[in-house]
């Protein structure tokens, strides 16, 4: 299943537009805050698909019956660009466990690249709700490698792949390489073009550099 949040007009359209705008995105603090706010919207939308149970809440004047979420959630993020997005998810899923994946592109002499997984820190995800987030889903290779590394820590009840900007190619790659039986893809928006170096067009540019500064 694929959900594209920008198709339903809401404030997420404004926040994504500011991420894309080359004038506004030069303010790294605002860029990070917009990613965080988008993460909060994703969390709200994903929360509608969790398991809920009724609980009696005692107020000063009586008892209120409330349906409360009972799903165990693990939020996993691909470093470094995903950190502000992760924080937004965690602002709402404040009791969630957390996982972090370090991966990078290793370029070869012929101009191609492969994804190198360097580090994974994760709790067990057995029978839990896994939210795997990365602000950009470009080629899809990083998401595939991260997901397959995570499921070595257990079989999640359901996985929500969350990305702010995806390419059509990246979505198709994920659908081809990951068993989608218990997987939902959430995208803020989807772009049609992917360059030969796997950059999304129009995209937003390098999310990690825009959030935290350029790297050597």
Protein backbone atom coordinates (compact mmCIF):
# COMPACT_ATOMS: atom_id res chain seq x y z
CA UNK A 1 0.00 0.00 0.00
CA UNK A 2 1.19 3.50 -0.86
CA UNK A 3 -0.07 6.68 0.83
CA UNK A 4 0.98 10.07 -0.59
CA UNK A 5 0.16 12.72 2.00
CA UNK A 6 0.50 15.76 -0.28
CA UNK A 7 -2.46 14.51 -2.34
CA UNK A 8 -4.74 15.50 0.53
CA UNK A 9 -4.30 19.24 1.01
CA UNK A 10 -2.97 20.05 4.47
CA UNK A 11 -0.14 21.94 6.15
CA UNK A 12 2.28 19.25 5.01
CA UNK A 13 2.16 20.84 1.55
CA UNK A 14 3.47 24.10 3.02
CA UNK A 15 6.26 22.41 4.97
CA UNK A 16 7.36 20.34 1.94
CA UNK A 17 7.30 23.41 -0.29
CA UNK A 18 9.64 25.17 2.15
CA UNK A 19 11.99 22.17 2.14
CA UNK A 20 12.10 22.41 -1.66
CA UNK A 21 12.48 26.21 -1.90
CA UNK A 22 16.17 27.02 -2.51
CA UNK A 23 15.83 30.40 -0.80
CA UNK A 24 14.08 29.15 2.35
CA UNK A 25 16.12 25.95 2.68
CA UNK A 26 19.31 27.98 3.15
CA UNK A 27 18.14 28.49 6.76
CA UNK A 28 19.29 25.16 8.22
CA UNK A 29 17.40 25.62 11.49
CA UNK A 30 14.14 26.18 9.61
CA UNK A 31 14.95 23.23 7.35
CA UNK A 32 15.40 20.94 10.36
CA UNK A 33 12.24 22.24 12.01
CA UNK A 34 10.20 21.65 8.86
CA UNK A 35 11.48 18.07 8.68
CA UNK A 36 10.52 17.63 12.33
CA UNK A 37 7.01 19.03 11.75
CA UNK A 38 6.57 16.72 8.77
CA UNK A 39 7.60 13.81 11.00
CA UNK A 40 4.87 14.80 13.45
CA UNK A 41 2.27 14.75 10.67
CA UNK A 42 3.48 11.33 9.54
CA UNK A 43 3.21 10.05 13.10
CA UNK A 44 -0.37 11.31 13.38
CA UNK A 45 -1.37 9.63 10.10
CA UNK A 46 0.37 6.35 10.94
CA UNK A 47 -1.24 6.34 14.40
CA UNK A 48 -4.63 5.83 12.76
CA UNK A 49 -3.50 2.35 11.74
CA UNK A 50 -2.32 1.06 15.13
CA UNK A 51 -4.11 -1.28 17.51
CA UNK A 52 -6.30 0.39 20.15
CA UNK A 53 -7.98 -0.82 23.33
CA UNK A 54 -10.48 0.83 25.61
CA UNK A 55 -9.33 2.14 28.97
CA UNK A 56 -11.16 3.90 31.78
CA UNK A 57 -9.61 7.27 32.62
CA UNK A 58 -10.54 8.73 35.99
CA UNK A 59 -11.10 12.49 35.88
CA UNK A 60 -11.77 14.79 38.88
CA UNK A 61 -15.50 14.41 38.13
CA UNK A 62 -15.95 10.89 36.87
CA UNK A 63 -14.71 8.21 34.48
CA UNK A 64 -14.13 8.62 30.74
CA UNK A 65 -13.84 5.63 28.40
CA UNK A 66 -11.02 6.23 25.93
CA UNK A 67 -9.58 4.16 23.08
CA UNK A 68 -5.80 4.26 23.51
CA UNK A 69 -3.01 2.85 21.31
CA UNK A 70 -1.40 -0.33 22.63
CA UNK A 71 0.97 -1.17 19.77
CA UNK A 72 4.67 -1.39 20.58
CA UNK A 73 6.50 0.91 18.19
CA UNK A 74 10.13 0.98 17.05
CA UNK A 75 11.26 4.01 15.04
CA UNK A 76 14.27 3.27 12.85
CA UNK A 77 16.18 5.97 11.01
CA UNK A 78 18.93 6.03 8.41
CA UNK A 79 21.62 8.50 9.49
CA UNK A 80 22.39 11.39 9.22
CA UNK A 81 19.74 13.18 7.20
CA UNK A 82 16.92 11.33 8.94
CA UNK A 83 17.53 12.69 12.46
CA UNK A 84 15.12 15.70 12.38
CA UNK A 85 12.45 13.55 10.70
CA UNK A 86 13.03 10.92 13.38
CA UNK A 87 12.62 13.51 16.13
CA UNK A 88 9.25 14.53 14.72
CA UNK A 89 8.04 10.93 14.77
CA UNK A 90 9.38 10.50 18.29
CA UNK A 91 7.61 13.67 19.48
CA UNK A 92 4.32 11.85 18.98
CA UNK A 93 5.37 8.24 19.58
CA UNK A 94 7.13 9.34 22.76
CA UNK A 95 7.28 5.86 24.29
CA UNK A 96 8.71 4.24 21.17
CA UNK A 97 11.96 2.32 21.10
CA UNK A 98 14.54 3.53 18.60
CA UNK A 99 16.93 2.08 16.04
CA UNK A 100 19.65 3.79 14.00
CA UNK A 101 21.29 2.68 10.78
CA UNK A 102 24.52 4.11 9.39
CA UNK A 103 24.87 3.62 5.65
CA UNK A 104 26.56 5.50 2.84
CA UNK A 105 27.09 5.45 -0.89
CA UNK A 106 30.43 3.98 -2.00
CA UNK A 107 31.24 5.28 -5.48
CA UNK A 108 33.17 3.19 -7.99
CA UNK A 109 35.52 4.28 -10.77
CA UNK A 110 32.84 3.77 -13.43
CA UNK A 111 30.56 6.27 -11.68
CA UNK A 112 28.23 3.66 -10.20
CA UNK A 113 27.80 3.21 -6.46
CA UNK A 114 26.78 0.62 -3.92
CA UNK A 115 25.26 1.07 -0.48
CA UNK A 116 27.55 0.18 2.41
CA UNK A 117 25.94 -0.63 5.76
CA UNK A 118 28.34 0.44 8.51
CA UNK A 119 26.42 0.16 11.77
CA UNK A 120 23.06 -0.90 13.16
CA UNK A 121 21.83 -0.20 16.69
CA UNK A 122 18.39 -1.66 17.31
CA UNK A 123 16.19 -3.34 19.90
CA UNK A 124 14.24 -6.45 19.01
CA UNK A 125 11.47 -5.66 16.54
CA UNK A 126 9.72 -9.02 16.97
CA UNK A 127 5.95 -8.59 16.66
CA UNK A 128 6.25 -4.80 16.97
CA UNK A 129 5.29 -1.94 14.68
CA UNK A 130 8.38 -0.84 12.77
CA UNK A 131 8.52 2.69 11.35
CA UNK A 132 11.53 2.88 9.03
CA UNK A 133 12.19 6.49 8.06
CA UNK A 134 14.47 8.26 5.61
CA UNK A 135 13.67 11.73 4.25
CA UNK A 136 14.57 10.73 0.68
CA UNK A 137 13.68 7.50 -1.11
CA UNK A 138 15.78 7.84 -4.25
CA UNK A 139 17.00 4.57 -5.76
CA UNK A 140 15.45 2.55 -2.93
CA UNK A 141 18.64 0.58 -2.30
CA UNK A 142 19.36 2.12 1.12
CA UNK A 143 15.84 1.42 2.33
CA UNK A 144 16.04 -2.19 1.12
CA UNK A 145 19.37 -2.83 2.83
CA UNK A 146 18.26 -1.15 6.06
CA UNK A 147 15.00 -3.09 6.19
CA UNK A 148 16.70 -6.45 5.61
CA UNK A 149 19.27 -5.70 8.31
CA UNK A 150 16.52 -4.75 10.77
CA UNK A 151 14.41 -7.86 10.25
CA UNK A 152 17.36 -9.92 11.43
CA UNK A 153 16.37 -8.49 14.86
CA UNK A 154 12.90 -10.00 14.61
CA UNK A 155 9.80 -10.14 12.44
CA UNK A 156 7.71 -6.98 12.83
CA UNK A 157 3.92 -7.17 12.97
CA UNK A 158 3.79 -4.40 10.39
CA UNK A 159 6.31 -2.05 8.81
CA UNK A 160 5.62 1.56 7.85
CA UNK A 161 8.23 2.97 5.47
CA UNK A 162 8.16 6.76 5.85
CA UNK A 163 9.83 9.16 3.43
CA UNK A 164 9.31 12.86 2.77
CA UNK A 165 10.22 12.82 -0.94
CA UNK A 166 10.26 9.63 -3.00
CA UNK A 167 10.99 8.90 -6.63
CA UNK A 168 8.76 6.60 -8.61
CA UNK A 169 11.83 4.45 -9.29
CA UNK A 170 12.56 4.16 -5.58
CA UNK A 171 9.01 3.12 -4.77
CA UNK A 172 9.07 0.51 -7.52
CA UNK A 173 12.45 -0.79 -6.30
CA UNK A 174 11.14 -1.23 -2.76
CA UNK A 175 8.00 -2.97 -4.00
CA UNK A 176 10.16 -5.34 -6.07
CA UNK A 177 12.76 -6.20 -3.42
CA UNK A 178 10.73 -6.15 -0.18
CA UNK A 179 7.84 -8.47 0.61
CA UNK A 180 4.96 -5.97 0.82
CA UNK A 181 2.52 -8.27 2.62
CA UNK A 182 2.80 -6.34 5.90
CA UNK A 183 4.44 -3.18 4.63
CA UNK A 184 2.95 0.28 3.98
CA UNK A 185 4.84 3.07 2.22
CA UNK A 186 4.12 6.64 3.33
CA UNK A 187 5.45 9.46 1.14
CA UNK A 188 5.04 13.18 1.58
CA UNK A 189 5.31 13.64 -2.17
CA UNK A 190 6.53 11.66 -5.18
CA UNK A 191 8.71 12.96 -8.02
CA UNK A 192 9.03 11.38 -11.45
CA UNK A 193 12.69 11.88 -12.31
CA UNK A 194 15.86 10.28 -10.96
CA UNK A 195 19.26 11.34 -12.33
CA UNK A 196 22.03 8.93 -13.36
CA UNK A 197 23.58 9.55 -9.92
CA UNK A 198 20.26 8.69 -8.23
CA UNK A 199 19.30 12.19 -7.15
CA UNK A 200 15.59 12.99 -7.14
CA UNK A 201 14.40 15.76 -9.48
CA UNK A 202 13.03 18.26 -8.57
CA UNK A 203 13.61 16.82 -5.07
CA UNK A 204 15.14 19.07 -2.42
CA UNK A 205 18.89 18.60 -2.84
CA UNK A 206 21.11 16.94 -0.23
CA UNK A 207 18.94 16.71 2.89
CA UNK A 208 21.87 15.90 5.17
CA UNK A 209 23.90 18.91 4.04
CA UNK A 210 20.90 21.21 4.22
CA UNK A 211 20.09 20.08 7.76
CA UNK A 212 23.61 19.84 9.22
CA UNK A 213 26.10 21.52 6.87
CA UNK A 214 28.30 20.25 4.08
CA UNK A 215 30.61 17.29 4.62
CA UNK A 216 34.13 16.56 3.38
